N, C-alpha and C. Protein backbone atom coordinates (compact mmCIF):
# COMPACT_ATOMS: atom_id res chain seq x y z
N UNK A 1 -4.03 -7.40 -12.69
CA UNK A 1 -3.71 -7.55 -11.33
C UNK A 1 -2.53 -6.15 -10.74
N UNK A 2 -2.46 -5.83 -9.42
CA UNK A 2 -1.54 -4.61 -9.44
C UNK A 2 -0.24 -4.79 -8.91
N UNK A 3 0.33 -3.33 -8.43
CA UNK A 3 2.18 -4.09 -8.33
C UNK A 3 2.26 -4.40 -6.87
N UNK A 4 1.31 -4.07 -6.61
CA UNK A 4 1.80 -4.86 -4.96
C UNK A 4 0.55 -5.51 -4.28
N UNK A 5 -0.03 -6.71 -3.86
CA UNK A 5 -0.87 -7.45 -2.95
C UNK A 5 -0.61 -6.83 -1.40
N UNK A 6 -2.27 -6.22 -1.32
CA UNK A 6 -2.43 -5.86 0.14
C UNK A 6 -2.78 -6.72 1.24
N UNK A 7 -3.14 -6.92 2.14
CA UNK A 7 -2.80 -8.17 2.66
C UNK A 7 -3.28 -7.27 4.28
N UNK A 8 -4.52 -8.23 5.12
CA UNK A 8 -4.29 -7.42 6.54
C UNK A 8 -3.88 -8.61 7.74
N UNK A 9 -3.30 -7.29 8.85
CA UNK A 9 -2.86 -7.90 9.11
C UNK A 9 -3.96 -8.48 10.70
N UNK A 10 -4.87 -8.47 10.54
CA UNK A 10 -5.38 -8.68 11.75
C UNK A 10 -5.45 -9.68 12.43
N UNK A 11 -5.37 -11.26 11.80
CA UNK A 11 -5.30 -12.39 12.79
C UNK A 11 -3.83 -12.02 13.45
N UNK A 12 -2.77 -12.25 12.90
CA UNK A 12 -1.35 -11.92 13.33
C UNK A 12 -1.53 -10.79 14.78
N UNK A 13 -1.69 -9.58 14.92
CA UNK A 13 -1.87 -8.77 15.95
C UNK A 13 -3.37 -8.97 16.74
N UNK A 14 -4.48 -9.78 16.26
CA UNK A 14 -5.26 -9.41 17.88
C UNK A 14 -4.41 -11.06 18.01
N UNK A 15 -3.98 -12.34 17.58
CA UNK A 15 -3.40 -13.20 18.33
C UNK A 15 -2.42 -12.88 19.50
N UNK A 16 -1.34 -12.06 19.25
CA UNK A 16 -0.34 -11.68 19.72
C UNK A 16 -1.10 -10.35 21.16
N UNK A 17 -2.56 -10.11 20.60
CA UNK A 17 -2.82 -9.70 22.40
C UNK A 17 -3.86 -10.07 22.74
N UNK A 18 -3.76 -11.45 22.39
CA UNK A 18 -4.25 -12.76 23.30
C UNK A 18 -6.28 -12.76 22.78
N UNK A 19 -6.48 -12.27 21.28
CA UNK A 19 -7.84 -12.29 21.38
C UNK A 19 -8.04 -12.86 20.57
N UNK A 20 -9.24 -13.85 20.68
CA UNK A 20 -9.90 -14.71 19.33
C UNK A 20 -10.58 -14.21 18.59
N UNK A 21 -11.19 -15.11 17.22
CA UNK A 21 -12.12 -14.46 16.43
C UNK A 21 -13.41 -13.77 17.67
N UNK A 22 -13.51 -14.36 18.28
CA UNK A 22 -15.26 -13.97 18.74
C UNK A 22 -15.20 -12.89 19.74
N UNK A 23 -14.39 -12.64 20.05
CA UNK A 23 -13.69 -11.81 21.38
C UNK A 23 -13.58 -10.41 20.48
N UNK A 24 -13.00 -10.88 19.21
CA UNK A 24 -12.24 -9.40 18.52
C UNK A 24 -13.88 -9.02 17.60
N UNK A 25 -14.43 -10.05 17.54
CA UNK A 25 -16.14 -9.30 16.77
C UNK A 25 -16.95 -8.74 17.57
N UNK A 26 -16.93 -9.03 18.92
CA UNK A 26 -17.47 -8.12 19.76
C UNK A 26 -16.58 -6.89 19.81
N UNK A 27 -15.75 -7.08 20.03
CA UNK A 27 -14.43 -6.04 20.81
C UNK A 27 -14.76 -4.65 19.89
N UNK A 28 -14.67 -4.92 18.53
CA UNK A 28 -15.03 -4.44 17.54
C UNK A 28 -16.06 -4.16 16.78
N UNK A 29 -17.63 -4.83 17.94
CA UNK A 29 -18.56 -4.91 17.36
C UNK A 29 -18.92 -4.84 15.72
N UNK A 30 -18.49 -5.51 15.30
CA UNK A 30 -18.65 -6.20 14.41
C UNK A 30 -18.99 -7.46 13.59
N UNK A 31 -20.05 -8.08 12.83
CA UNK A 31 -20.29 -9.71 12.74
C UNK A 31 -18.98 -10.01 12.78
N UNK A 32 -19.05 -11.85 14.07
CA UNK A 32 -18.45 -12.79 13.03
C UNK A 32 -17.92 -13.17 11.91
N UNK A 33 -19.01 -12.93 11.10
CA UNK A 33 -18.61 -14.05 9.38
C UNK A 33 -17.73 -12.74 8.81
N UNK A 34 -18.07 -11.91 9.41
CA UNK A 34 -16.58 -10.64 8.64
C UNK A 34 -15.55 -10.88 9.26
N UNK A 35 -14.91 -10.98 10.55
CA UNK A 35 -14.00 -11.49 11.34
C UNK A 35 -13.29 -12.78 10.51
N UNK A 36 -14.01 -13.84 10.56
CA UNK A 36 -13.86 -15.08 9.63
C UNK A 36 -13.49 -15.02 8.75
N UNK A 37 -13.89 -14.02 7.59
CA UNK A 37 -13.97 -14.41 6.11
C UNK A 37 -12.18 -13.09 6.44
N UNK A 38 -11.85 -12.22 7.40
CA UNK A 38 -10.23 -12.03 7.25
C UNK A 38 -9.60 -13.06 7.68
N UNK A 39 -9.78 -13.59 8.71
CA UNK A 39 -9.02 -14.51 8.94
C UNK A 39 -8.71 -15.87 7.44
N UNK A 40 -9.86 -15.99 7.19
CA UNK A 40 -9.87 -17.50 6.21
C UNK A 40 -8.56 -16.46 5.11
N UNK A 41 -9.26 -15.15 4.36
CA UNK A 41 -9.04 -14.08 3.54
C UNK A 41 -8.08 -12.98 3.17
N UNK A 42 -7.24 -12.91 3.77
CA UNK A 42 -5.89 -11.45 4.74
C UNK A 42 -6.10 -10.78 3.46
N UNK A 43 -6.65 -11.06 2.02
CA UNK A 43 -6.08 -10.14 1.02
C UNK A 43 -7.71 -9.99 1.02
N UNK A 44 -9.09 -10.40 1.84
CA UNK A 44 -10.11 -9.69 1.20
C UNK A 44 -10.68 -8.10 0.77
N UNK A 45 -11.39 -7.69 0.58
CA UNK A 45 -11.78 -6.22 0.67
C UNK A 45 -12.75 -6.12 1.92
N UNK A 46 -12.54 -5.04 2.81
CA UNK A 46 -12.72 -4.24 3.80
C UNK A 46 -13.45 -3.02 3.54
N UNK A 47 -14.34 -2.58 3.98
CA UNK A 47 -14.54 -1.06 4.10
C UNK A 47 -13.80 -0.24 5.06
N UNK A 48 -13.41 1.13 4.84
CA UNK A 48 -12.83 1.68 5.93
C UNK A 48 -13.14 1.89 7.27
N UNK A 49 -15.07 1.36 7.39
CA UNK A 49 -15.15 1.38 8.30
C UNK A 49 -14.72 0.27 9.55
N UNK A 50 -14.62 -1.01 8.52
CA UNK A 50 -14.04 -1.87 9.15
C UNK A 50 -13.25 -1.84 10.04
N UNK A 51 -12.21 -1.23 9.01
CA UNK A 51 -11.13 -1.60 9.51
C UNK A 51 -10.60 -0.32 10.61
N UNK A 52 -11.33 0.75 10.85
CA UNK A 52 -11.68 1.83 11.85
C UNK A 52 -11.38 0.53 12.82
N UNK A 53 -12.84 -0.06 12.78
CA UNK A 53 -13.18 -0.52 14.40
C UNK A 53 -12.49 -1.84 14.47
N UNK A 54 -11.95 -2.48 13.74
CA UNK A 54 -10.72 -3.64 14.20
C UNK A 54 -9.20 -2.79 14.73
N UNK A 55 -8.80 -1.69 14.07
CA UNK A 55 -7.80 -1.00 15.02
C UNK A 55 -8.23 -0.05 15.75
N UNK A 56 -9.07 -0.14 16.07
CA UNK A 56 -9.65 0.49 17.94
C UNK A 56 -9.76 -0.49 18.42
N UNK A 57 -10.06 -1.67 17.99
CA UNK A 57 -10.60 -2.70 18.86
C UNK A 57 -9.34 -3.36 19.57
N UNK A 58 -8.16 -2.86 18.74
CA UNK A 58 -6.62 -4.06 19.14
C UNK A 58 -5.52 -3.04 19.22
N UNK A 59 -6.28 -1.22 19.29
CA UNK A 59 -5.48 -0.34 19.94
C UNK A 59 -3.83 -0.04 18.61
N UNK A 60 -4.25 -0.17 17.53
CA UNK A 60 -3.67 0.20 16.66
C UNK A 60 -3.73 0.65 15.88
N UNK A 61 -2.98 1.28 15.27
CA UNK A 61 -3.33 2.46 13.78
C UNK A 61 -3.44 2.05 12.43
N UNK A 62 -4.89 2.08 12.07
CA UNK A 62 -5.04 1.05 10.65
C UNK A 62 -4.41 0.97 10.00
N UNK A 63 -3.49 1.99 9.35
CA UNK A 63 -1.79 1.61 8.62
C UNK A 63 -1.06 0.42 9.24
N UNK A 64 -1.18 -0.25 10.53
CA UNK A 64 -0.53 -0.84 11.45
C UNK A 64 -1.30 -2.56 10.58
N UNK A 65 -2.58 -2.17 10.36
CA UNK A 65 -3.23 -2.76 10.47
C UNK A 65 -2.99 -3.80 8.30
N UNK A 66 -2.23 -3.51 8.05
CA UNK A 66 -1.58 -3.31 6.31
C UNK A 66 -0.45 -3.89 6.06
N UNK A 67 -0.76 -4.52 5.26
CA UNK A 67 0.65 -4.82 4.75
C UNK A 67 0.90 -4.94 3.36
N UNK A 68 1.54 -4.81 3.10
CA UNK A 68 1.98 -4.83 1.70
C UNK A 68 3.11 -5.48 0.88
N UNK A 69 2.93 -6.59 -0.12
CA UNK A 69 4.00 -7.21 -1.12
C UNK A 69 4.07 -7.17 -1.98
N UNK A 70 5.44 -7.27 -2.78
CA UNK A 70 4.97 -7.32 -4.22
C UNK A 70 4.28 -8.42 -4.53
N UNK A 71 3.59 -8.13 -5.79
CA UNK A 71 2.73 -8.91 -6.33
C UNK A 71 3.99 -10.03 -7.71
N UNK A 72 4.18 -10.81 -7.76
CA UNK A 72 5.21 -11.64 -7.98
C UNK A 72 4.43 -12.45 -9.38
């Protein structure tokens, strides 16, 4: 394992902006199953294209969607 756990903050940011999974999927033009997977497992791998679409839909920088914590 690596030194850090990389976690996506998509769910927290979407909920803060009042978006549910379906709304986010439509707004980001990505499959609902992808959003569901990210919500269920925020450490799952996603492409930079999906990261960019999510950031654009949420009106944040891609880096705002990423959190890293030390791996214990």
